[in-house]
PDB file of N, CA and C in Angstrom:
ATOM      1  N   MET A   1      90.614  75.519  92.821  1.00  0.00           N
ATOM      2  CA  MET A   1      91.618  74.583  92.277  1.00  0.00           C
ATOM      3  C   MET A   1      91.546  73.879  91.681  1.00  0.00           C
ATOM      4  N   GLY A   2      90.965  74.261  90.325  1.00  0.00           N
ATOM      5  CA  GLY A   2      90.718  73.695  89.364  1.00  0.00           C
ATOM      6  C   GLY A   2      92.078  74.284  87.876  1.00  0.00           C
ATOM      7  N   ARG A   3      91.814  75.868  88.440  1.00  0.00           N
ATOM      8  CA  ARG A   3      92.898  76.539  87.640  1.00  0.00           C
ATOM      9  C   ARG A   3      94.468  76.637  87.875  1.00  0.00           C
ATOM     10  N   GLN A   4      94.456  76.148  89.640  1.00  0.00           N
ATOM     11  CA  GLN A   4      95.997  75.728  89.827  1.00  0.00           C
ATOM     12  C   GLN A   4      96.279  74.470  89.219  1.00  0.00           C
ATOM     13  N   ALA A   5      95.755  73.433  88.876  1.00  0.00           N
ATOM     14  CA  ALA A   5      95.801  72.208  88.528  1.00  0.00           C
ATOM     15  C   ALA A   5      96.136  72.731  87.123  1.00  0.00           C
ATOM     16  N   GLY A   6      95.690  73.433  86.195  1.00  0.00           N
ATOM     17  CA  GLY A   6      96.259  73.687  85.021  1.00  0.00           C
ATOM     18  C   GLY A   6      97.354  74.263  84.727  1.00  0.00           C
ATOM     19  N   VAL A   7      97.116  75.186  85.336  1.00  0.00           N
ATOM     20  CA  VAL A   7      98.751  76.168  85.342  1.00  0.00           C
ATOM     21  C   VAL A   7      99.990  75.179  85.866  1.00  0.00           C
ATOM     22  N   VAL A   8     100.240  73.637  86.564  1.00  0.00           N
ATOM     23  CA  VAL A   8     100.747  73.363  87.185  1.00  0.00           C
ATOM     24  C   VAL A   8     101.103  72.006  86.265  1.00  0.00           C
ATOM     25  N   LEU A   9      99.904  71.547  85.103  1.00  0.00           N
ATOM     26  CA  LEU A   9     100.081  70.422  84.446  1.00  0.00           C
ATOM     27  C   LEU A   9     100.345  71.548  83.212  1.00  0.00           C
ATOM     28  N   TYR A  10     100.472  72.839  83.166  1.00  0.00           N
ATOM     29  CA  TYR A  10     101.095  73.318  81.994  1.00  0.00           C
ATOM     30  C   TYR A  10     102.889  73.729  82.298  1.00  0.00           C
ATOM     31  N   VAL A  11     102.959  73.937  83.339  1.00  0.00           N
ATOM     32  CA  VAL A  11     104.571  74.027  83.725  1.00  0.00           C
ATOM     33  C   VAL A  11     105.297  72.843  83.369  1.00  0.00           C
ATOM     34  N   LEU A  12     104.607  71.412  83.695  1.00  0.00           N
ATOM     35  CA  LEU A  12     105.031  70.370  83.607  1.00  0.00           C
ATOM     36  C   LEU A  12     105.500  69.987  82.115  1.00  0.00           C
ATOM     37  N   ALA A  13     104.139  70.567  81.209  1.00  0.00           N
ATOM     38  CA  ALA A  13     104.576  70.164  79.850  1.00  0.00           C
ATOM     39  C   ALA A  13     105.457  71.135  79.246  1.00  0.00           C
ATOM     40  N   LEU A  14     105.967  71.875  80.045  1.00  0.00           N
ATOM     41  CA  LEU A  14     106.852  73.163  79.958  1.00  0.00           C
ATOM     42  C   LEU A  14     108.581  73.249  80.143  1.00  0.00           C
ATOM     43  N   VAL A  15     108.907  71.877  81.255  1.00  0.00           N
ATOM     44  CA  VAL A  15     109.250  70.781  81.582  1.00  0.00           C
ATOM     45  C   VAL A  15     110.154  69.643  80.457  1.00  0.00           C
ATOM     46  N   THR A  16     108.871  69.126  80.224  1.00  0.00           N
ATOM     47  CA  THR A  16     109.405  67.866  79.394  1.00  0.00           C
ATOM     48  C   THR A  16     109.666  68.317  78.031  1.00  0.00           C
ATOM     49  N   VAL A  17     109.049  69.691  77.426  1.00  0.00           N
ATOM     50  CA  VAL A  17     109.547  69.549  76.228  1.00  0.00           C
ATOM     51  C   VAL A  17     111.095  69.996  76.492  1.00  0.00           C
ATOM     52  N   VAL A  18     111.566  70.825  76.971  1.00  0.00           N
ATOM     53  CA  VAL A  18     112.489  71.655  77.294  1.00  0.00           C
ATOM     54  C   VAL A  18     113.564  70.629  77.651  1.00  0.00           C
ATOM     55  N   VAL A  19     113.144  69.599  78.337  1.00  0.00           N
ATOM     56  CA  VAL A  19     114.593  68.262  78.785  1.00  0.00           C
ATOM     57  C   VAL A  19     114.647  67.323  77.963  1.00  0.00           C
ATOM     58  N   GLY A  20     112.814  67.178  77.228  1.00  0.00           N
ATOM     59  CA  GLY A  20     113.528  66.132  75.938  1.00  0.00           C
ATOM     60  C   GLY A  20     114.017  66.861  74.986  1.00  0.00           C
ATOM     61  N   VAL A  21     113.985  68.128  74.579  1.00  0.00           N
ATOM     62  CA  VAL A  21     114.398  68.584  73.015  1.00  0.00           C
ATOM     63  C   VAL A  21     116.155  68.016  73.620  1.00  0.00           C
ATOM     64  N   ASP A  22     116.434  69.175  75.069  1.00  0.00           N
ATOM     65  CA  ASP A  22     118.152  69.063  75.097  1.00  0.00           C
ATOM     66  C   ASP A  22     118.807  67.773  75.226  1.00  0.00           C
ATOM     67  N   VAL A  23     118.036  66.695  75.546  1.00  0.00           N
ATOM     68  CA  VAL A  23     118.317  65.152  75.492  1.00  0.00           C
ATOM     69  C   VAL A  23     118.536  65.222  74.216  1.00  0.00           C
ATOM     70  N   LEU A  24     117.723  65.115  73.235  1.00  0.00           N
ATOM     71  CA  LEU A  24     117.773  64.507  72.281  1.00  0.00           C
ATOM     72  C   LEU A  24     118.575  65.306  71.328  1.00  0.00           C
ATOM     73  N   PHE A  25     118.735  66.631  71.418  1.00  0.00           N
ATOM     74  CA  PHE A  25     119.102  67.471  70.149  1.00  0.00           C
ATOM     75  C   PHE A  25     120.296  68.115  70.747  1.00  0.00           C
ATOM     76  N   PHE A  26     120.589  68.476  72.102  1.00  0.00           N
ATOM     77  CA  PHE A  26     121.817  69.775  72.134  1.00  0.00           C
ATOM     78  C   PHE A  26     121.990  69.048  73.416  1.00  0.00           C
ATOM     79  N   ARG A  27     122.631  67.745  73.662  1.00  0.00           N
ATOM     80  CA  ARG A  27     123.036  67.579  74.454  1.00  0.00           C
ATOM     81  C   ARG A  27     124.663  68.288  75.219  1.00  0.00           C
ATOM     82  N   HIS A  28     125.450  68.245  73.927  1.00  0.00           N
ATOM     83  CA  HIS A  28     126.789  68.890  74.461  1.00  0.00           C
ATOM     84  C   HIS A  28     127.242  70.507  73.666  1.00  0.00           C
ATOM     85  N   ARG A  29     125.761  70.622  73.532  1.00  0.00           N
ATOM     86  CA  ARG A  29     125.991  71.974  72.798  1.00  0.00           C
ATOM     87  C   ARG A  29     125.860  73.091  73.378  1.00  0.00           C
ATOM     88  N   PHE A  30     126.071  74.417  74.284  1.00  0.00           N
ATOM     89  CA  PHE A  30     125.676  74.648  75.651  1.00  0.00           C
ATOM     90  C   PHE A  30     124.891  75.923  74.822  1.00  0.00           C
ATOM     91  N   LEU A  31     125.570  76.698  73.960  1.00  0.00           N
ATOM     92  CA  LEU A  31     124.726  78.030  73.255  1.00  0.00           C
ATOM     93  C   LEU A  31     123.221  77.475  72.904  1.00  0.00           C
ATOM     94  N   GLU A  32     124.109  76.827  71.745  1.00  0.00           N
ATOM     95  CA  GLU A  32     122.765  76.420  71.137  1.00  0.00           C
ATOM     96  C   GLU A  32     121.582  75.789  71.949  1.00  0.00           C
ATOM     97  N   ARG A  33     121.427  75.093  73.091  1.00  0.00           N
ATOM     98  CA  ARG A  33     120.985  74.685  73.736  1.00  0.00           C
ATOM     99  C   ARG A  33     120.309  75.905  74.579  1.00  0.00           C
ATOM    100  N   LEU A  34     121.010  76.732  75.408  1.00  0.00           N
ATOM    101  CA  LEU A  34     120.492  78.217  76.032  1.00  0.00           C
ATOM    102  C   LEU A  34     119.909  78.521  75.077  1.00  0.00           C
ATOM    103  N   MET A  35     119.964  79.195  73.560  1.00  0.00           N
ATOM    104  CA  MET A  35     118.918  79.721  73.165  1.00  0.00           C
ATOM    105  C   MET A  35     117.607  79.028  72.548  1.00  0.00           C
ATOM    106  N   VAL A  36     117.699  78.154  72.296  1.00  0.00           N
ATOM    107  CA  VAL A  36     116.481  77.010  72.428  1.00  0.00           C
ATOM    108  C   VAL A  36     115.583  77.117  73.239  1.00  0.00           C
ATOM    109  N   ASN A  37     116.229  76.671  75.396  1.00  0.00           N
ATOM    110  CA  ASN A  37     115.447  76.732  75.986  1.00  0.00           C
ATOM    111  C   ASN A  37     115.035  78.213  75.767  1.00  0.00           C
ATOM    112  N   VAL A  38     115.366  79.327  75.632  1.00  0.00           N
ATOM    113  CA  VAL A  38     114.941  80.426  75.901  1.00  0.00           C
ATOM    114  C   VAL A  38     113.669  80.761  74.897  1.00  0.00           C
ATOM    115  N   GLY A  39     113.834  80.164  73.859  1.00  0.00           N
ATOM    116  CA  GLY A  39     112.963  80.410  72.623  1.00  0.00           C
ATOM    117  C   GLY A  39     111.751  79.307  72.994  1.00  0.00           C
ATOM    118  N   ILE A  40     111.838  78.267  73.424  1.00  0.00           N
ATOM    119  CA  ILE A  40     110.440  77.618  73.607  1.00  0.00           C
ATOM    120  C   ILE A  40     110.113  78.291  75.050  1.00  0.00           C
ATOM    121  N   VAL A  41     110.796  78.473  76.255  1.00  0.00           N
ATOM    122  CA  VAL A  41     110.060  79.486  76.828  1.00  0.00           C
ATOM    123  C   VAL A  41     109.183  80.506  76.860  1.00  0.00           C
ATOM    124  N   LEU A  42     109.936  81.090  75.870  1.00  0.00           N
ATOM    125  CA  LEU A  42     108.972  82.334  74.938  1.00  0.00           C
ATOM    126  C   LEU A  42     107.290  81.790  74.312  1.00  0.00           C
ATOM    127  N   VAL A  43     108.034  80.848  73.535  1.00  0.00           N
ATOM    128  CA  VAL A  43     106.645  80.371  72.907  1.00  0.00           C
ATOM    129  C   VAL A  43     105.651  79.606  73.988  1.00  0.00           C
ATOM    130  N   PHE A  44     105.884  79.199  75.070  1.00  0.00           N
ATOM    131  CA  PHE A  44     105.219  79.176  75.731  1.00  0.00           C
ATOM    132  C   PHE A  44     104.291  79.854  76.550  1.00  0.00           C
ATOM    133  N   ALA A  45     104.926  80.716  77.115  1.00  0.00           N
ATOM    134  CA  ALA A  45     104.872  82.038  77.441  1.00  0.00           C
ATOM    135  C   ALA A  45     103.758  82.923  76.908  1.00  0.00           C
ATOM    136  N   ALA A  46     104.053  82.909  75.566  1.00  0.00           N
ATOM    137  CA  ALA A  46     103.040  83.594  74.611  1.00  0.00           C
ATOM    138  C   ALA A  46     101.714  82.945  74.214  1.00  0.00           C
ATOM    139  N   PHE A  47     101.957  81.673  73.933  1.00  0.00           N
ATOM    140  CA  PHE A  47     100.438  80.956  74.299  1.00  0.00           C
ATOM    141  C   PHE A  47      99.785  80.569  75.440  1.00  0.00           C
ATOM    142  N   TYR A  48     100.359  81.177  76.089  1.00  0.00           N
ATOM    143  CA  TYR A  48      99.590  80.822  78.029  1.00  0.00           C
ATOM    144  C   TYR A  48      98.648  82.256  78.016  1.00  0.00           C
ATOM    145  N   LEU A  49      99.829  83.655  77.724  1.00  0.00           N
ATOM    146  CA  LEU A  49      98.827  85.102  77.608  1.00  0.00           C
ATOM    147  C   LEU A  49      98.193  84.835  76.855  1.00  0.00           C
ATOM    148  N   ARG A  50      97.960  84.211  75.497  1.00  0.00           N
ATOM    149  CA  ARG A  50      96.973  84.653  74.480  1.00  0.00           C
ATOM    150  C   ARG A  50      95.392  83.690  74.836  1.00  0.00           C
ATOM    151  N   PHE A  51      96.038  82.562  75.051  1.00  0.00           N
ATOM    152  CA  PHE A  51      94.595  81.546  75.434  1.00  0.00           C
ATOM    153  C   PHE A  51      94.461  81.388  76.408  1.00  0.00           C
ATOM    154  N   LEU A  52      94.993  80.789  77.401  1.00  0.00           N
ATOM    155  CA  LEU A  52      94.740  80.627  78.709  1.00  0.00           C
ATOM    156  C   LEU A  52      94.681  81.449  79.894  1.00  0.00           C
ATOM    157  N   LYS A  53      95.254  82.445  79.610  1.00  0.00           N
ATOM    158  CA  LYS A  53      95.316  83.763  80.456  1.00  0.00           C
ATOM    159  C   LYS A  53      93.554  84.082  80.500  1.00  0.00           C
ATOM    160  N   ARG A  54      92.868  84.271  79.489  1.00  0.00           N
ATOM    161  CA  ARG A  54      91.077  84.836  79.733  1.00  0.00           C
ATOM    162  C   ARG A  54      90.557  83.448  80.654  1.00  0.00           C
ATOM    163  N   ALA A  55      90.598  82.577  80.009  1.00  0.00           N
ATOM    164  CA  ALA A  55      90.306  81.553  81.323  1.00  0.00           C
ATOM    165  C   ALA A  55      90.058  81.079  82.382  1.00  0.00           C
TER     166      ALA A  55
END
């Protein structure tokens, strides 16, 4: 149950970062917002695969 809770917290952090960046910087710019969101998700995925998957 502890690992599942960690993954849930990680996904919540991802969603919080994406929504925060959208609201603060890219509210009315669709293409830029899409590119930045994809980049954020890729960074979170790479971090997860590199450091957290082994735990």
